[in-house]
Amino acid sequence: MARLKAEMWDKMQYLFRNYYDCTVHSVFYFDGQIDEKSLGEVYMGILAKVPVLHSTFMDRFVKPFWKVNRKYNLEEFFQLVETADPEDYLNNFIATPIIATDKLQLKVRVIRSEGKDILAMLSNHMCFDGGDLFYFTQKIVENYNEYKKTGVLNIDIKQGTRAADQVYKDMPFAEKVKAKTLFKNVSEVKGKTTFPYTDDSELDHPRLILHKVSSDVFNSAREKAKQMDAKMNDVFLAAFFKTLFDICEIDPEADNSITIPSMINLRKYMIEKDTLGLTNMTGFMPCTVKKEPADDMTRTIIKVMKSLETAKNDEHNGLYSLPLLKLAYGILPQKFAEMAIKLGYQNPLIGMSNIGPINPSNYVLEGGVKAIDAWFSGAIKYKPYIQLALTTFNGDITFSVGFKGNDEDEIRVKEMMKSVENYLRKYIEEDSDWSL
């Protein structure tokens, strides 16, 4: 039986099954039809090059591993679906999870309606993160286009190590030694504020809710942010904070504050800014802001910037706790390691992931078929956890929240995302002194 080593991030993402469904989503809307036969062959070629995608995670008491499955076929993960209601099919499809113990860690649908296709892909977060989701989807297009042009299937995709410690490989010796001793537990926060989900769980089921914001709002907010040397991530965080202050009951013990961790790409520590193989390489950057009813968006942005200033200037930002995880998984059997980590690890009750801009030019297919809209989203969370994810495409923002809840929860999530947009609009219109 062929095996792959279960890397540290594989095991950590597997532990996260207690908090979310470990499924990453990507959706592309094309202005024409894809050659589904060629696309299917490209996917099969990529799976052949990346064995973790056709492997089953074997959770063992002492040492888990990936069992590589030799026998699999295209129909097990890839289908063309022709329907009069593509959005209904898409909504049902994206709410289905990838199961680590299944044979394949990928599901793909080409959803066809009225001469246009939607390409939807689900992947296991254990296999790769948002950073490599960009890489993977671009490689699908590159290999598809090359195959269509030449008629030769010659798959090009990275196949190197998936190990977590490659993050240190380009560091000077002294810095590497220091980074490998950063045992601080950055998951610990005082705040216990949660999103106001309902307590009723009988009607809960997985949902992924989207909210679109026009490029006019994004561009106007970005231009204003530049004047105060703020990033759009600061602006999004501030709008999210303002919304949460409105709708959540703040824990008095948290000194009227909320902490929102943002995801950061640890590939920044590598010279090539990329891992050698498809994997996870993401860390936390917590941001804490105190509730002040008198604060407008500009003052909240300043607070966000000040909260993040220390982290952004920290030469080891995002690297804390990695040695702690390596130690636990290295010296303890799997079951005991999970128990030990869960004792100290606090999964963020509220999070935000600015996945980033999706470049339309990277998703033009041979024959002139172009992506006219696209979005990525993270996993579907379980109560009480929530994460606001966002991507941009041609400046249009797509907010997404995946959660397991009921119809009332869905109403509350939609209201929350609309409130974030409203605070972006208020920021554009407000006249405030950001020199204070």
Protein backbone atom coordinates (compact mmCIF):
# COMPACT_ATOMS: atom_id res chain seq x y z
CA MET A 1 0.00 0.00 0.00
CA ALA A 2 1.44 3.36 -1.09
CA ARG A 3 1.54 5.99 1.63
CA LEU A 4 2.19 9.70 1.99
CA LYS A 5 3.39 11.32 5.18
CA ALA A 6 0.72 13.29 7.02
CA GLU A 7 2.36 16.68 7.40
CA MET A 8 1.89 18.96 10.40
CA TRP A 9 -0.65 21.21 8.67
CA ASP A 10 -2.55 18.15 7.42
CA LYS A 11 -2.98 17.00 11.00
CA MET A 12 -3.83 20.47 12.26
CA GLN A 13 -6.50 20.94 9.59
CA TYR A 14 -7.85 17.51 10.49
CA LEU A 15 -8.17 18.68 14.10
CA PHE A 16 -10.15 21.67 12.80
CA ARG A 17 -12.92 19.24 11.76
CA ASN A 18 -14.28 20.03 15.23
CA TYR A 19 -14.91 23.63 14.14
CA TYR A 20 -15.66 23.52 10.40
CA ASP A 21 -16.03 21.21 7.41
CA CYS A 22 -12.46 21.67 6.06
CA THR A 23 -13.73 22.39 2.52
CA VAL A 24 -12.46 25.23 0.32
CA HIS A 25 -14.65 26.58 -2.49
CA SER A 26 -13.88 28.21 -5.84
CA VAL A 27 -16.45 29.26 -8.44
CA PHE A 28 -15.94 30.78 -11.91
CA TYR A 29 -18.63 32.11 -14.24
CA PHE A 30 -17.63 31.92 -17.92
CA ASP A 31 -19.17 33.77 -20.86
CA GLY A 32 -19.20 30.62 -22.98
CA GLN A 33 -18.73 26.87 -22.86
CA ILE A 34 -15.71 24.94 -21.64
CA ASP A 35 -14.49 21.86 -23.50
CA GLU A 36 -15.41 19.58 -20.61
CA LYS A 37 -13.69 16.54 -22.14
CA SER A 38 -10.34 18.34 -22.33
CA LEU A 39 -10.84 19.88 -18.89
CA GLY A 40 -11.56 16.46 -17.40
CA GLU A 41 -8.37 15.06 -18.91
CA VAL A 42 -6.41 17.97 -17.44
CA TYR A 43 -7.84 17.29 -13.98
CA MET A 44 -6.96 13.59 -14.29
CA GLY A 45 -3.44 14.55 -15.35
CA ILE A 46 -3.05 16.86 -12.36
CA LEU A 47 -4.32 14.23 -9.93
CA ALA A 48 -1.74 11.82 -11.31
CA LYS A 49 0.98 14.37 -10.48
CA VAL A 50 -0.37 15.28 -7.02
CA PRO A 51 -1.04 12.02 -5.13
CA VAL A 52 -2.51 13.66 -2.01
CA LEU A 53 -5.56 14.57 -4.12
CA HIS A 54 -6.32 10.88 -4.72
CA SER A 55 -5.54 9.72 -1.21
CA THR A 56 -7.54 8.78 1.88
CA PHE A 57 -6.56 10.20 5.26
CA MET A 58 -6.00 7.36 7.71
CA ASP A 59 -6.45 8.60 11.27
CA ARG A 60 -4.38 6.31 13.49
CA PHE A 61 -3.87 6.36 17.24
CA VAL A 62 -0.11 6.82 16.93
CA LYS A 63 0.76 8.06 13.46
CA PRO A 64 -1.77 9.05 10.76
CA PHE A 65 -0.92 8.93 7.07
CA TRP A 66 -2.40 9.30 3.59
CA LYS A 67 -3.22 6.05 1.79
CA VAL A 68 -2.66 6.66 -1.93
CA ASN A 69 -5.49 5.24 -4.03
CA ARG A 70 -4.37 3.84 -7.37
CA LYS A 71 -7.81 3.07 -8.78
CA TYR A 72 -10.06 6.04 -9.42
CA ASN A 73 -11.83 7.52 -12.42
CA LEU A 74 -12.96 10.91 -13.67
CA GLU A 75 -16.66 10.33 -12.99
CA GLU A 76 -15.96 9.96 -9.27
CA PHE A 77 -15.15 13.68 -8.90
CA PHE A 78 -15.87 15.47 -12.19
CA GLN A 79 -19.28 15.93 -13.84
CA LEU A 80 -20.96 18.05 -16.50
CA VAL A 81 -24.41 19.13 -15.30
CA GLU A 82 -26.90 20.75 -17.67
CA THR A 83 -29.70 22.56 -15.87
CA ALA A 84 -32.24 25.33 -16.28
CA ASP A 85 -31.48 26.58 -12.77
CA PRO A 86 -27.68 26.73 -12.41
CA GLU A 87 -27.71 28.80 -9.21
CA ASP A 88 -29.90 26.29 -7.41
CA TYR A 89 -27.61 23.44 -8.39
CA LEU A 90 -24.53 25.47 -7.45
CA ASN A 91 -25.92 26.39 -4.02
CA ASN A 92 -26.59 22.73 -3.22
CA PHE A 93 -23.22 21.60 -4.55
CA ILE A 94 -21.08 24.09 -2.64
CA ALA A 95 -22.76 23.13 0.65
CA THR A 96 -21.46 19.55 0.36
CA PRO A 97 -18.23 18.78 2.23
CA ILE A 98 -15.07 17.02 1.18
CA ILE A 99 -14.52 14.09 3.55
CA ALA A 100 -10.89 13.30 4.42
CA THR A 101 -11.63 9.58 4.63
CA ASP A 102 -13.01 9.50 1.07
CA LYS A 103 -11.01 8.24 -1.89
CA LEU A 104 -10.59 11.66 -3.54
CA GLN A 105 -10.06 15.11 -2.05
CA LEU A 106 -11.58 17.09 -4.90
CA LYS A 107 -15.03 17.57 -6.45
CA VAL A 108 -15.58 19.47 -9.70
CA ARG A 109 -18.73 20.45 -11.58
CA VAL A 110 -19.16 22.16 -14.94
CA ILE A 111 -22.66 23.60 -14.62
CA ARG A 112 -24.08 24.46 -18.05
CA SER A 113 -27.08 26.62 -18.82
CA GLU A 114 -28.06 28.66 -21.90
CA GLY A 115 -24.66 28.31 -23.55
CA LYS A 116 -22.63 29.43 -20.53
CA ASP A 117 -20.71 27.44 -17.94
CA ILE A 118 -19.99 27.75 -14.23
CA LEU A 119 -16.89 25.91 -13.04
CA ALA A 120 -17.22 24.99 -9.35
CA MET A 121 -14.53 23.17 -7.38
CA LEU A 122 -14.46 21.90 -3.82
CA SER A 123 -11.14 20.87 -2.28
CA ASN A 124 -9.99 19.60 1.08
CA HIS A 125 -8.32 22.32 3.14
CA MET A 126 -5.96 19.62 4.43
CA CYS A 127 -4.43 19.48 0.94
CA PHE A 128 -3.88 23.20 0.37
CA ASP A 129 -4.92 26.66 1.53
CA GLY A 130 -6.15 29.83 -0.16
CA GLY A 131 -2.65 30.76 -1.33
CA ASP A 132 -2.32 27.53 -3.27
CA LEU A 133 -5.95 27.68 -4.39
CA PHE A 134 -4.94 30.65 -6.55
CA TYR A 135 -1.98 28.67 -7.87
CA PHE A 136 -4.03 25.51 -8.46
CA THR A 137 -6.88 27.20 -10.36
CA GLN A 138 -4.41 29.13 -12.52
CA LYS A 139 -2.58 25.90 -13.31
CA ILE A 140 -5.85 24.30 -14.37
CA VAL A 141 -6.30 27.09 -16.92
CA GLU A 142 -2.65 27.05 -18.07
CA ASN A 143 -2.61 23.29 -18.60
CA TYR A 144 -6.02 23.36 -20.30
CA ASN A 145 -4.91 26.08 -22.71
CA GLU A 146 -1.65 24.31 -23.53
CA TYR A 147 -3.50 21.04 -24.14
CA LYS A 148 -6.02 22.76 -26.42
CA LYS A 149 -3.24 24.46 -28.41
CA THR A 150 -0.89 21.48 -28.81
CA GLY A 151 -3.11 18.44 -28.42
CA VAL A 152 -0.47 17.07 -26.04
CA LEU A 153 -1.27 16.55 -22.36
CA ASN A 154 1.95 17.62 -20.64
CA ILE A 155 0.93 18.60 -17.10
CA ASP A 156 2.96 21.30 -15.37
CA ILE A 157 2.37 21.63 -11.61
CA LYS A 158 4.63 21.78 -8.57
CA GLN A 159 5.32 18.42 -6.94
CA GLY A 160 7.78 19.17 -4.13
CA THR A 161 7.58 18.80 -0.36
CA ARG A 162 4.41 19.71 1.51
CA ALA A 163 6.26 19.99 4.84
CA ALA A 164 5.51 22.88 7.21
CA ASP A 165 9.17 23.51 8.07
CA GLN A 166 9.99 24.67 4.53
CA VAL A 167 8.87 28.10 5.78
CA TYR A 168 12.28 28.36 7.48
CA LYS A 169 14.44 27.20 4.56
CA ASP A 170 15.48 30.63 3.27
CA MET A 171 16.10 32.27 6.65
CA PRO A 172 19.63 33.12 7.87
CA PHE A 173 20.86 30.59 10.44
CA ALA A 174 20.41 32.79 13.54
CA GLU A 175 16.93 33.89 12.48
CA LYS A 176 15.96 30.30 11.74
CA VAL A 177 17.06 29.18 15.21
CA LYS A 178 15.04 31.96 16.82
CA ALA A 179 11.94 31.29 14.70
CA LYS A 180 11.98 27.62 15.65
CA THR A 181 11.72 28.53 19.35
CA LEU A 182 8.62 30.76 19.13
CA PHE A 183 6.43 28.70 21.46
CA LYS A 184 3.98 31.50 22.32
CA ASN A 185 0.33 30.43 22.00
CA VAL A 186 -1.19 33.20 19.86
CA SER A 187 -4.65 31.65 19.90
CA GLU A 188 -5.29 32.85 23.47
CA VAL A 189 -7.65 35.86 23.63
CA LYS A 190 -9.69 37.34 26.47
CA GLY A 191 -12.80 38.07 24.45
CA LYS A 192 -15.62 35.54 24.34
CA THR A 193 -17.90 37.55 22.07
CA THR A 194 -19.81 35.37 19.61
CA PHE A 195 -22.00 36.00 16.60
CA PRO A 196 -25.71 36.02 17.60
CA TYR A 197 -26.72 32.71 16.08
CA THR A 198 -29.95 31.12 17.29
CA ASP A 199 -29.78 28.36 19.87
CA ASP A 200 -32.15 26.16 17.85
CA SER A 201 -30.14 23.52 15.96
CA GLU A 202 -32.86 21.10 14.83
CA LEU A 203 -33.20 22.79 11.44
CA ASP A 204 -29.50 23.57 10.98
CA HIS A 205 -27.85 22.58 7.72
CA PRO A 206 -24.75 23.75 5.83
CA ARG A 207 -25.12 27.05 3.96
CA LEU A 208 -22.77 29.34 2.08
CA ILE A 209 -24.14 32.87 1.78
CA LEU A 210 -22.79 35.50 -0.62
CA HIS A 211 -23.12 39.27 -0.69
CA LYS A 212 -21.90 41.35 -3.65
CA VAL A 213 -20.58 44.91 -3.34
CA SER A 214 -19.96 46.97 -6.48
CA SER A 215 -16.55 48.07 -7.69
CA ASP A 216 -17.64 51.71 -7.26
CA VAL A 217 -17.74 51.19 -3.49
CA PHE A 218 -14.43 49.31 -3.48
CA ASN A 219 -12.61 51.88 -5.63
CA SER A 220 -13.94 54.87 -3.69
CA ALA A 221 -13.03 53.31 -0.34
CA ARG A 222 -9.57 52.38 -1.62
CA GLU A 223 -8.84 55.90 -2.86
CA LYS A 224 -9.87 57.37 0.49
CA ALA A 225 -7.83 54.77 2.38
CA LYS A 226 -4.71 55.73 0.42
CA GLN A 227 -4.95 59.28 1.79
CA MET A 228 -4.50 57.94 5.32
CA ASP A 229 -1.95 55.25 4.37
CA ALA A 230 -4.46 52.52 5.19
CA LYS A 231 -4.83 49.22 3.38
CA MET A 232 -8.19 47.94 2.20
CA ASN A 233 -7.78 45.07 4.67
CA ASP A 234 -7.78 47.69 7.44
CA VAL A 235 -10.97 49.18 6.03
CA PHE A 236 -12.71 45.80 5.76
CA LEU A 237 -11.71 44.95 9.32
CA ALA A 238 -13.00 48.28 10.60
CA ALA A 239 -16.37 47.80 8.86
CA PHE A 240 -16.59 44.29 10.32
CA PHE A 241 -15.73 45.58 13.82
CA LYS A 242 -18.36 48.32 13.60
CA THR A 243 -20.96 45.77 12.54
CA LEU A 244 -20.07 43.36 15.34
CA PHE A 245 -20.20 46.15 17.92
CA ASP A 246 -23.76 46.81 16.73
CA ILE A 247 -25.07 43.25 16.74
CA CYS A 248 -23.09 41.35 19.39
CA GLU A 249 -23.30 41.35 23.15
CA ILE A 250 -19.77 42.31 24.19
CA ASP A 251 -18.22 40.28 26.99
CA PRO A 252 -17.64 42.75 29.90
CA GLU A 253 -14.53 40.80 30.91
CA ALA A 254 -13.01 41.59 27.52
CA ASP A 255 -12.88 45.31 28.38
CA ASN A 256 -15.47 46.09 25.68
CA SER A 257 -13.22 44.77 22.93
CA ILE A 258 -13.38 42.19 20.17
CA THR A 259 -10.45 40.29 18.66
CA ILE A 260 -10.60 39.31 14.99
CA PRO A 261 -7.73 37.23 13.62
CA SER A 262 -6.85 37.76 9.97
CA MET A 263 -5.16 35.07 7.91
CA ILE A 264 -1.65 35.81 6.64
CA ASN A 265 0.32 33.96 3.98
CA LEU A 266 3.54 32.60 5.49
CA ARG A 267 5.03 32.16 2.02
CA LYS A 268 6.28 35.73 2.45
CA TYR A 269 9.22 34.28 4.43
CA MET A 270 10.39 32.26 1.40
CA ILE A 271 12.56 33.77 -1.32
CA GLU A 272 10.34 32.48 -4.11
CA LYS A 273 7.21 33.41 -2.11
CA ASP A 274 5.93 29.91 -2.80
CA THR A 275 6.00 26.43 -1.32
CA LEU A 276 7.63 23.54 -3.15
CA GLY A 277 4.43 21.51 -3.18
CA LEU A 278 0.70 22.09 -2.72
CA THR A 279 0.14 22.61 1.00
CA ASN A 280 -1.04 24.94 3.76
CA MET A 281 1.18 27.82 4.84
CA THR A 282 -1.10 30.22 6.72
CA GLY A 283 -0.78 31.96 10.07
CA PHE A 284 -2.88 34.19 12.34
CA MET A 285 -2.59 37.95 12.82
CA PRO A 286 -4.95 38.97 15.64
CA CYS A 287 -6.47 42.46 15.74
CA THR A 288 -8.16 43.80 18.88
CA VAL A 289 -10.33 46.93 18.92
CA LYS A 290 -12.25 48.41 21.85
CA LYS A 291 -15.90 49.35 21.44
CA GLU A 292 -16.39 53.12 21.44
CA PRO A 293 -19.89 54.17 20.29
CA ALA A 294 -18.65 57.62 19.31
CA ASP A 295 -16.08 56.27 16.85
CA ASP A 296 -16.80 56.69 13.15
CA MET A 297 -15.23 54.47 10.48
CA THR A 298 -12.11 56.61 10.15
CA ARG A 299 -11.31 56.43 13.86
CA THR A 300 -11.99 52.68 13.84
CA ILE A 301 -9.60 52.23 10.91
CA ILE A 302 -6.93 54.09 12.89
CA LYS A 303 -7.50 51.73 15.82
CA VAL A 304 -7.20 48.74 13.49
CA MET A 305 -3.94 50.10 12.07
CA LYS A 306 -2.53 50.71 15.55
CA SER A 307 -3.57 47.23 16.71
CA LEU A 308 -1.88 45.63 13.71
CA GLU A 309 1.20 47.85 13.78
CA THR A 310 3.09 45.70 16.25
CA ALA A 311 2.26 42.51 14.37
CA LYS A 312 3.14 43.95 10.97
CA ASN A 313 6.50 45.15 12.28
CA ASP A 314 7.24 41.81 13.94
CA GLU A 315 9.84 39.96 11.90
CA HIS A 316 8.20 36.69 12.99
CA ASN A 317 4.58 37.65 12.37
CA GLY A 318 2.50 34.49 11.93
CA LEU A 319 5.27 32.08 12.93
CA TYR A 320 4.32 31.84 16.60
CA SER A 321 2.98 28.50 17.82
CA LEU A 322 4.40 26.55 14.85
CA PRO A 323 7.17 25.07 17.05
CA LEU A 324 4.54 24.25 19.68
CA LEU A 325 2.49 22.30 17.14
CA LYS A 326 5.56 20.54 15.78
CA LEU A 327 6.56 19.54 19.31
CA ALA A 328 3.12 18.14 20.13
CA TYR A 329 2.80 16.16 16.92
CA GLY A 330 6.44 15.11 17.06
CA ILE A 331 6.61 13.59 20.56
CA LEU A 332 3.02 12.49 21.18
CA PRO A 333 0.83 9.89 19.47
CA GLN A 334 -1.83 11.44 17.24
CA LYS A 335 -4.70 11.02 19.72
CA PHE A 336 -2.75 12.46 22.63
CA ALA A 337 -1.40 15.29 20.45
CA GLU A 338 -4.93 16.29 19.49
CA MET A 339 -6.01 16.21 23.13
CA ALA A 340 -3.03 18.34 24.20
CA ILE A 341 -3.49 20.90 21.43
CA LYS A 342 -7.23 21.25 22.08
CA LEU A 343 -6.47 21.99 25.74
CA GLY A 344 -4.37 25.03 24.79
CA TYR A 345 -5.75 26.03 21.40
CA GLN A 346 -8.67 28.46 21.20
CA ASN A 347 -10.29 28.42 17.79
CA PRO A 348 -11.21 32.00 16.84
CA LEU A 349 -14.88 32.65 17.57
CA ILE A 350 -14.89 35.38 14.92
CA GLY A 351 -12.47 35.64 12.00
CA MET A 352 -11.90 37.40 8.71
CA SER A 353 -10.05 36.14 5.66
CA ASN A 354 -9.25 38.59 2.87
CA ILE A 355 -8.45 35.90 0.31
CA GLY A 356 -7.51 38.55 -2.22
CA PRO A 357 -8.08 39.72 -5.81
CA ILE A 358 -8.87 37.18 -8.54
CA ASN A 359 -7.20 38.44 -11.73
CA PRO A 360 -9.55 37.98 -14.73
CA SER A 361 -6.59 37.76 -17.13
CA ASN A 362 -5.49 34.51 -15.47
CA TYR A 363 -8.80 32.83 -16.33
CA VAL A 364 -9.14 33.22 -20.09
CA LEU A 365 -9.58 29.88 -21.85
CA GLU A 366 -8.22 28.92 -25.26
CA GLY A 367 -10.90 29.82 -27.79
CA GLY A 368 -11.75 33.15 -26.15
CA VAL A 369 -14.01 31.95 -23.34
CA LYS A 370 -13.46 34.30 -20.40
CA ALA A 371 -14.31 34.31 -16.70
CA ILE A 372 -16.74 37.18 -16.13
CA ASP A 373 -17.11 36.66 -12.39
CA ALA A 374 -15.46 34.50 -9.73
CA TRP A 375 -15.17 34.03 -5.99
CA PHE A 376 -13.33 31.86 -3.47
CA SER A 377 -14.48 30.99 0.02
CA GLY A 378 -13.22 29.08 3.04
CA ALA A 379 -14.85 26.34 5.06
CA ILE A 380 -18.38 26.10 6.44
CA LYS A 381 -18.16 26.81 10.18
CA TYR A 382 -20.12 25.24 13.01
CA LYS A 383 -21.83 27.31 15.70
CA PRO A 384 -20.70 29.46 17.46
CA TYR A 385 -17.84 30.11 15.00
CA ILE A 386 -18.09 32.52 12.08
CA GLN A 387 -15.68 33.84 9.45
CA LEU A 388 -16.22 36.59 6.93
CA ALA A 389 -14.25 35.81 3.77
CA LEU A 390 -13.87 38.08 0.77
CA THR A 391 -12.45 38.13 -2.71
CA THR A 392 -12.51 40.77 -5.44
CA PHE A 393 -12.97 40.34 -9.19
CA ASN A 394 -12.66 43.42 -11.42
CA GLY A 395 -13.06 45.43 -8.23
CA ASP A 396 -16.40 43.87 -7.32
CA ILE A 397 -16.32 42.44 -3.80
CA THR A 398 -17.83 39.10 -2.87
CA PHE A 399 -18.38 38.61 0.85
CA SER A 400 -19.01 35.01 1.84
CA VAL A 401 -19.95 33.31 5.08
CA GLY A 402 -20.19 29.53 5.33
CA PHE A 403 -22.01 28.20 8.39
CA LYS A 404 -24.25 25.40 9.59
CA GLY A 405 -27.47 27.03 10.72
CA ASN A 406 -31.17 27.57 10.18
CA ASP A 407 -33.25 30.10 8.24
CA GLU A 408 -33.18 32.67 11.05
CA ASP A 409 -29.39 32.37 11.23
CA GLU A 410 -29.25 32.97 7.48
CA ILE A 411 -31.27 36.17 7.88
CA ARG A 412 -28.86 37.38 10.57
CA VAL A 413 -25.79 36.56 8.47
CA LYS A 414 -27.23 38.41 5.48
CA GLU A 415 -27.99 41.43 7.67
CA MET A 416 -24.43 41.32 9.00
CA MET A 417 -22.89 41.35 5.51
CA LYS A 418 -25.21 44.16 4.41
CA SER A 419 -24.13 46.15 7.47
CA VAL A 420 -20.46 45.72 6.53
CA GLU A 421 -21.27 47.16 3.10
CA ASN A 422 -23.17 50.04 4.70
CA TYR A 423 -20.15 50.91 6.84
CA LEU A 424 -17.96 50.92 3.72
CA ARG A 425 -20.40 53.40 2.17
CA LYS A 426 -20.43 55.52 5.35
CA TYR A 427 -16.63 55.63 5.25
CA ILE A 428 -16.69 56.99 1.70
CA GLU A 429 -19.10 59.75 2.70
CA GLU A 430 -17.81 60.75 6.14
CA ASP A 431 -15.62 63.77 6.76
CA SER A 432 -13.29 62.92 9.63
CA ASP A 433 -9.85 64.04 10.77
CA TRP A 434 -7.55 61.01 10.52
CA SER A 435 -4.59 62.94 11.91
CA LEU A 436 -5.97 62.48 15.45
